Amino acid sequence: METAEAMRTSQRRRLLIALFILFDLALAAIAVVYWFGVGRPASPSTFSGDAAMTHVTAQLALGPRITGTEAGRAAGDYILNQLAAAGWAAEFQDFEYQGTAARNVIGRANVGSGPVIIVGAHYDTRKRADQDANDPAAPVPGANDGASGVAVVLELARALDLEVIPHEIWLVFFDAEDNGRLDGWDWIAGSRYLAAQLTEPLPQAMILFDMIGDADQQIYFDTNSHAGLSAQLWQIAAQLGYSRQFIPLPRYAMLDDHTPFAQLGIPAVDIIDFDYPYWHTTADTADKLSAESLQRVGRTVEAYLENREP
């Protein structure tokens, strides 16, 4: 027979056991909710330079992507398929230049959610390596001049956390950029065509990638880019630890795919590393590039887009 004190001790023990059981059940319930994602905070992907390099390799495997050629069309198809796989609404914008069929590729997301921001690169390559002392008639492989910018834009299609971006985003891949001064062609035909089709309200900003994969990366200000937006992007790069590669000093005045948008009054920036000794030569190959260089550019613009105010 238990004493009153023993009975109280036993009751306290049972109460403590019940409380521990309830606590464990509560923890288990929280774990289940977390595991299956109910109420879990979003965990967005982060831009990967290694993933971007796979897009460089895939483009080079097609051969020179000259406007109007089979390889050029295959490159456009590849881009469209990658955008669609990442969940973007993707389409071709067909046009003709100098009697040659050409296609821009456009991917859209967050349609109608805010002002448009364009992020772009050209995907065509130069038909002749006129800067090559040994073989100026050969086509340019276009690892850096073409494939690197495309690779960064495609990896952004996967990595961007669209839920936190208060803008409609267009990822644009321009055709017919790179054959200026050859056979009567001018530069930047694809971007000129797209810019001519824009209607009000105009995009709020435009960011271009060109030749940004060089392993010896040195990206200076382009004096034909919007000074304020350039300063903002370079500041973000510095905050991410990239101040040795993003150098906030003017160096070149570029005619590039950002130009038609700047001429419309749209703040436009060309992120370009023009200190590239293999420009328009047959030596513009993947071994000159690094995943780290692609990652620095991609993460800078990723941070800009995901933290930009409406």
Protein backbone atom coordinates (compact mmCIF):
# COMPACT_ATOMS: atom_id res chain seq x y z
CA MET A 1 0.00 0.00 0.00
CA GLU A 2 1.41 3.43 -1.11
CA THR A 3 1.71 6.35 1.19
CA ALA A 4 0.24 9.73 0.17
CA GLU A 5 3.73 11.06 -0.55
CA ALA A 6 4.54 8.03 -2.72
CA MET A 7 1.29 8.52 -4.60
CA ARG A 8 2.13 12.17 -5.28
CA THR A 9 5.63 11.19 -6.45
CA SER A 10 4.19 8.56 -8.76
CA GLN A 11 1.67 11.05 -10.19
CA ARG A 12 4.44 13.59 -10.83
CA ARG A 13 6.49 10.91 -12.56
CA ARG A 14 3.57 9.94 -14.82
CA LEU A 15 2.89 13.60 -15.60
CA LEU A 16 6.52 14.18 -16.55
CA ILE A 17 6.49 11.09 -18.77
CA ALA A 18 3.30 12.32 -20.47
CA LEU A 19 4.83 15.74 -21.02
CA PHE A 20 7.95 14.21 -22.56
CA ILE A 21 5.78 12.09 -24.86
CA LEU A 22 3.79 15.14 -25.95
CA PHE A 23 7.03 17.06 -26.54
CA ASP A 24 8.44 14.26 -28.69
CA LEU A 25 5.21 14.07 -30.67
CA ALA A 26 5.33 17.81 -31.26
CA LEU A 27 8.92 17.57 -32.50
CA ALA A 28 7.96 14.72 -34.78
CA ALA A 29 5.08 16.74 -36.22
CA ILE A 30 7.41 19.69 -36.86
CA ALA A 31 9.87 17.36 -38.58
CA VAL A 32 7.15 15.96 -40.83
CA VAL A 33 5.99 19.44 -41.78
CA TYR A 34 9.57 20.50 -42.55
CA TRP A 35 10.38 17.33 -44.47
CA PHE A 36 7.41 17.60 -46.79
CA GLY A 37 7.87 21.33 -47.33
CA VAL A 38 4.63 22.58 -45.77
CA GLY A 39 5.40 26.09 -44.56
CA ARG A 40 9.12 25.61 -45.17
CA PRO A 41 10.98 28.76 -46.29
CA ALA A 42 12.01 28.74 -49.95
CA SER A 43 15.52 27.45 -50.54
CA PRO A 44 16.40 28.88 -53.94
CA SER A 45 19.19 27.46 -56.04
CA THR A 46 22.46 29.31 -56.30
CA PHE A 47 24.21 30.01 -59.57
CA SER A 48 26.78 27.34 -60.38
CA GLY A 49 29.79 28.03 -62.57
CA ASP A 50 30.24 24.31 -63.15
CA ALA A 51 26.67 24.01 -64.42
CA ALA A 52 27.25 27.00 -66.70
CA MET A 53 30.36 25.33 -68.13
CA THR A 54 28.23 22.38 -69.26
CA HIS A 55 26.31 24.83 -71.48
CA VAL A 56 29.58 26.06 -72.96
CA THR A 57 30.59 22.48 -73.78
CA ALA A 58 27.19 21.69 -75.29
CA GLN A 59 27.36 24.70 -77.61
CA LEU A 60 30.90 23.96 -78.77
CA ALA A 61 29.89 20.38 -79.56
CA LEU A 62 27.59 21.81 -82.24
CA GLY A 63 30.48 23.46 -84.06
CA PRO A 64 30.61 27.12 -85.14
CA ARG A 65 27.11 28.60 -84.65
CA ILE A 66 27.09 30.91 -87.66
CA THR A 67 23.81 32.68 -88.41
CA GLY A 68 21.72 30.78 -90.93
CA THR A 69 23.66 27.52 -90.70
CA GLU A 70 22.49 24.15 -89.40
CA ALA A 71 24.69 24.53 -86.31
CA GLY A 72 23.27 28.01 -85.70
CA ARG A 73 19.73 26.65 -85.78
CA ALA A 74 20.74 23.74 -83.54
CA ALA A 75 22.11 26.25 -81.02
CA GLY A 76 18.81 28.13 -81.03
CA ASP A 77 16.93 24.87 -80.52
CA TYR A 78 19.21 23.95 -77.62
CA ILE A 79 18.62 27.29 -75.94
CA LEU A 80 14.84 27.10 -76.39
CA ASN A 81 14.73 23.58 -74.96
CA GLN A 82 16.83 24.55 -71.94
CA LEU A 83 14.57 27.51 -71.18
CA ALA A 84 11.45 25.37 -71.46
CA ALA A 85 12.97 22.72 -69.18
CA ALA A 86 13.63 25.42 -66.58
CA GLY A 87 9.97 26.51 -66.72
CA TRP A 88 10.31 29.67 -68.81
CA ALA A 89 7.87 30.62 -71.56
CA ALA A 90 10.19 30.44 -74.56
CA GLU A 91 9.79 31.40 -78.20
CA PHE A 92 11.73 32.27 -81.33
CA GLN A 93 11.69 35.74 -82.82
CA ASP A 94 12.33 35.16 -86.52
CA PHE A 95 13.79 37.84 -88.76
CA GLU A 96 15.85 38.12 -91.92
CA TYR A 97 19.13 39.94 -92.28
CA GLN A 98 21.00 40.35 -95.56
CA GLY A 99 18.91 37.60 -97.08
CA THR A 100 19.74 35.17 -94.27
CA ALA A 101 17.16 33.66 -91.91
CA ALA A 102 17.95 34.48 -88.28
CA ARG A 103 16.27 33.90 -84.91
CA ASN A 104 16.45 35.54 -81.54
CA VAL A 105 15.38 33.32 -78.64
CA ILE A 106 13.34 34.88 -75.84
CA GLY A 107 12.39 33.36 -72.49
CA ARG A 108 9.92 35.15 -70.21
CA ALA A 109 9.01 34.68 -66.54
CA ASN A 110 6.98 36.61 -63.95
CA VAL A 111 4.90 37.95 -66.83
CA GLY A 112 2.82 40.91 -65.71
CA SER A 113 4.35 41.08 -62.24
CA GLY A 114 6.27 44.32 -62.74
CA PRO A 115 8.47 46.32 -65.11
CA VAL A 116 10.53 44.27 -67.56
CA ILE A 117 14.25 43.68 -67.12
CA ILE A 118 16.16 42.12 -70.03
CA VAL A 119 19.22 39.93 -69.50
CA GLY A 120 20.90 38.83 -72.70
CA ALA A 121 23.81 37.49 -74.73
CA HIS A 122 24.48 36.67 -78.38
CA TYR A 123 24.68 33.03 -79.44
CA ASP A 124 25.99 33.28 -83.00
CA THR A 125 29.69 33.00 -83.84
CA ARG A 126 31.90 34.75 -86.37
CA LYS A 127 32.18 33.07 -89.75
CA ARG A 128 35.85 33.97 -90.26
CA ALA A 129 38.66 34.37 -87.73
CA ASP A 130 39.97 37.58 -89.26
CA GLN A 131 42.18 38.32 -86.23
CA ASP A 132 43.98 34.98 -86.61
CA ALA A 133 47.44 35.33 -88.14
CA ASN A 134 47.63 31.68 -89.12
CA ASP A 135 44.14 30.78 -90.37
CA PRO A 136 42.01 33.89 -90.93
CA ALA A 137 39.53 32.10 -93.21
CA ALA A 138 38.54 29.48 -90.61
CA PRO A 139 35.41 29.97 -88.46
CA VAL A 140 35.74 31.06 -84.83
CA PRO A 141 34.85 28.32 -82.30
CA GLY A 142 33.28 30.99 -80.06
CA ALA A 143 33.87 29.56 -76.58
CA ASN A 144 34.17 32.96 -74.94
CA ASP A 145 32.74 35.13 -77.71
CA GLY A 146 29.26 33.71 -77.70
CA ALA A 147 29.07 30.54 -75.63
CA SER A 148 30.16 32.05 -72.31
CA GLY A 149 27.42 34.68 -72.22
CA VAL A 150 24.77 32.19 -73.31
CA ALA A 151 25.93 29.78 -70.60
CA VAL A 152 25.53 32.38 -67.86
CA VAL A 153 22.05 33.38 -69.03
CA LEU A 154 20.92 29.74 -69.23
CA GLU A 155 22.21 28.99 -65.74
CA LEU A 156 20.37 32.06 -64.46
CA ALA A 157 17.20 30.53 -65.93
CA ARG A 158 17.68 27.63 -63.53
CA ALA A 159 19.05 29.47 -60.52
CA LEU A 160 16.96 32.63 -60.18
CA ASP A 161 14.49 32.72 -57.31
CA LEU A 162 11.66 34.28 -59.28
CA GLU A 163 9.37 34.49 -56.25
CA VAL A 164 11.46 37.29 -54.73
CA ILE A 165 11.93 39.25 -57.98
CA PRO A 166 9.27 41.99 -58.41
CA HIS A 167 9.85 42.21 -62.15
CA GLU A 168 9.02 40.49 -65.38
CA ILE A 169 12.27 39.00 -66.64
CA TRP A 170 13.21 38.41 -70.26
CA LEU A 171 16.20 36.22 -71.04
CA VAL A 172 17.17 37.06 -74.62
CA PHE A 173 19.65 35.30 -76.89
CA PHE A 174 20.56 37.41 -79.90
CA ASP A 175 21.38 36.08 -83.35
CA ALA A 176 23.39 37.87 -86.07
CA GLU A 177 25.61 39.87 -83.70
CA ASP A 178 29.12 38.84 -84.61
CA ASN A 179 29.70 39.12 -88.38
CA GLY A 180 30.16 42.86 -88.67
CA ARG A 181 32.51 44.00 -91.45
CA LEU A 182 32.31 40.63 -93.18
CA ASP A 183 30.54 40.31 -96.54
CA GLY A 184 28.64 43.56 -96.10
CA TRP A 185 27.21 42.65 -92.68
CA ASP A 186 26.92 45.06 -89.77
CA TRP A 187 27.11 44.19 -86.09
CA ILE A 188 24.24 43.56 -83.60
CA ALA A 189 21.45 42.86 -86.10
CA GLY A 190 19.45 40.69 -83.68
CA SER A 191 19.38 43.21 -80.85
CA ARG A 192 18.53 46.01 -83.26
CA TYR A 193 15.58 43.98 -84.47
CA LEU A 194 14.26 43.25 -80.97
CA ALA A 195 14.68 46.84 -79.82
CA ALA A 196 12.74 48.07 -82.86
CA GLN A 197 9.79 45.87 -81.87
CA LEU A 198 9.50 47.16 -78.30
CA THR A 199 6.44 49.16 -77.29
CA GLU A 200 5.60 51.29 -74.27
CA PRO A 201 6.19 50.81 -71.45
CA LEU A 202 9.82 50.12 -72.27
CA PRO A 203 11.93 47.73 -70.19
CA GLN A 204 13.34 49.25 -67.03
CA ALA A 205 16.89 47.90 -67.52
CA MET A 206 18.99 45.74 -69.82
CA ILE A 207 22.08 43.72 -68.84
CA LEU A 208 24.29 42.12 -71.48
CA PHE A 209 26.95 39.42 -71.09
CA ASP A 210 29.68 39.16 -73.71
CA MET A 211 33.05 37.43 -73.48
CA ILE A 212 32.89 36.95 -69.72
CA GLY A 213 34.42 33.48 -69.31
CA ASP A 214 38.13 34.24 -69.65
CA ALA A 215 40.10 32.49 -66.90
CA ASP A 216 42.16 35.70 -66.61
CA GLN A 217 39.07 37.77 -65.94
CA GLN A 218 39.26 41.59 -65.96
CA ILE A 219 35.95 43.39 -66.40
CA TYR A 220 36.12 47.16 -66.66
CA PHE A 221 33.42 49.78 -67.11
CA ASP A 222 32.16 50.25 -70.66
CA THR A 223 31.74 53.96 -71.22
CA ASN A 224 28.74 53.38 -73.51
CA SER A 225 26.89 51.68 -70.65
CA HIS A 226 24.64 53.36 -68.07
CA ALA A 227 26.98 54.76 -65.41
CA GLY A 228 24.61 54.38 -62.46
CA LEU A 229 23.60 50.80 -63.21
CA SER A 230 27.22 49.87 -63.90
CA ALA A 231 28.29 51.28 -60.53
CA GLN A 232 25.52 49.34 -58.80
CA LEU A 233 26.53 46.03 -60.40
CA TRP A 234 30.25 46.53 -59.73
CA GLN A 235 29.46 47.39 -56.10
CA ILE A 236 27.53 44.13 -55.73
CA ALA A 237 30.49 42.27 -57.25
CA ALA A 238 32.82 43.89 -54.72
CA GLN A 239 30.53 42.89 -51.86
CA LEU A 240 30.67 39.32 -53.12
CA GLY A 241 34.47 39.40 -53.09
CA TYR A 242 35.05 39.94 -56.81
CA SER A 243 36.78 43.35 -56.74
CA ARG A 244 39.90 41.96 -58.41
CA GLN A 245 37.86 40.92 -61.45
CA PHE A 246 35.23 43.70 -61.56
CA ILE A 247 37.43 46.79 -61.87
CA PRO A 248 35.46 50.06 -61.49
CA LEU A 249 37.46 52.02 -64.06
CA PRO A 250 36.52 52.98 -67.64
CA ARG A 251 38.41 51.12 -70.35
CA TYR A 252 36.42 50.68 -73.58
CA ALA A 253 33.47 52.19 -75.44
CA MET A 254 31.63 49.18 -76.83
CA LEU A 255 29.21 48.87 -79.73
CA ASP A 256 27.38 45.74 -78.59
CA ASP A 257 23.93 44.27 -78.12
CA HIS A 258 23.17 46.73 -75.31
CA THR A 259 23.50 49.68 -77.70
CA PRO A 260 20.02 49.62 -79.32
CA PHE A 261 18.41 49.58 -75.86
CA ALA A 262 20.58 52.43 -74.59
CA GLN A 263 19.59 54.42 -77.66
CA LEU A 264 15.96 54.06 -76.56
CA GLY A 265 16.83 55.56 -73.18
CA ILE A 266 16.81 52.23 -71.33
CA PRO A 267 19.56 51.91 -68.69
CA ALA A 268 21.76 49.27 -70.33
CA VAL A 269 25.07 47.74 -69.26
CA ASP A 270 27.56 45.63 -71.18
CA ILE A 271 29.42 43.27 -68.84
CA ILE A 272 32.35 42.43 -71.10
CA ASP A 273 35.96 41.36 -70.65
CA PHE A 274 37.46 42.74 -73.85
CA ASP A 275 41.04 42.07 -72.74
CA TYR A 276 40.94 38.67 -74.41
CA PRO A 277 43.88 37.80 -76.68
CA TYR A 278 41.94 35.07 -78.54
CA TRP A 279 39.15 37.37 -79.77
CA HIS A 280 38.08 36.44 -83.33
CA THR A 281 40.73 33.74 -83.64
CA THR A 282 40.58 29.95 -83.92
CA ALA A 283 42.06 29.78 -80.39
CA ASP A 284 38.80 30.95 -78.76
CA THR A 285 38.29 27.52 -77.22
CA ALA A 286 36.95 26.16 -73.94
CA ASP A 287 40.38 25.66 -72.35
CA LYS A 288 40.71 29.47 -72.10
CA LEU A 289 37.63 29.67 -69.84
CA SER A 290 36.98 28.89 -66.19
CA ALA A 291 33.86 27.98 -64.26
CA GLU A 292 34.91 30.48 -61.58
CA SER A 293 34.77 33.35 -64.07
CA LEU A 294 31.27 32.36 -65.19
CA GLN A 295 30.19 32.03 -61.57
CA ARG A 296 31.40 35.49 -60.57
CA VAL A 297 29.36 37.13 -63.31
CA GLY A 298 26.31 34.95 -62.76
CA ARG A 299 26.19 35.43 -59.00
CA THR A 300 26.62 39.19 -59.32
CA VAL A 301 23.58 39.54 -61.57
CA GLU A 302 21.67 36.93 -59.59
CA ALA A 303 22.16 39.04 -56.45
CA TYR A 304 21.19 42.21 -58.31
CA LEU A 305 17.92 40.76 -59.61
CA GLU A 306 16.90 39.03 -56.39
CA ASN A 307 17.50 42.11 -54.23
CA ARG A 308 16.31 44.83 -56.58
CA GLU A 309 13.47 47.08 -55.47
CA PRO A 310 10.30 47.26 -57.62
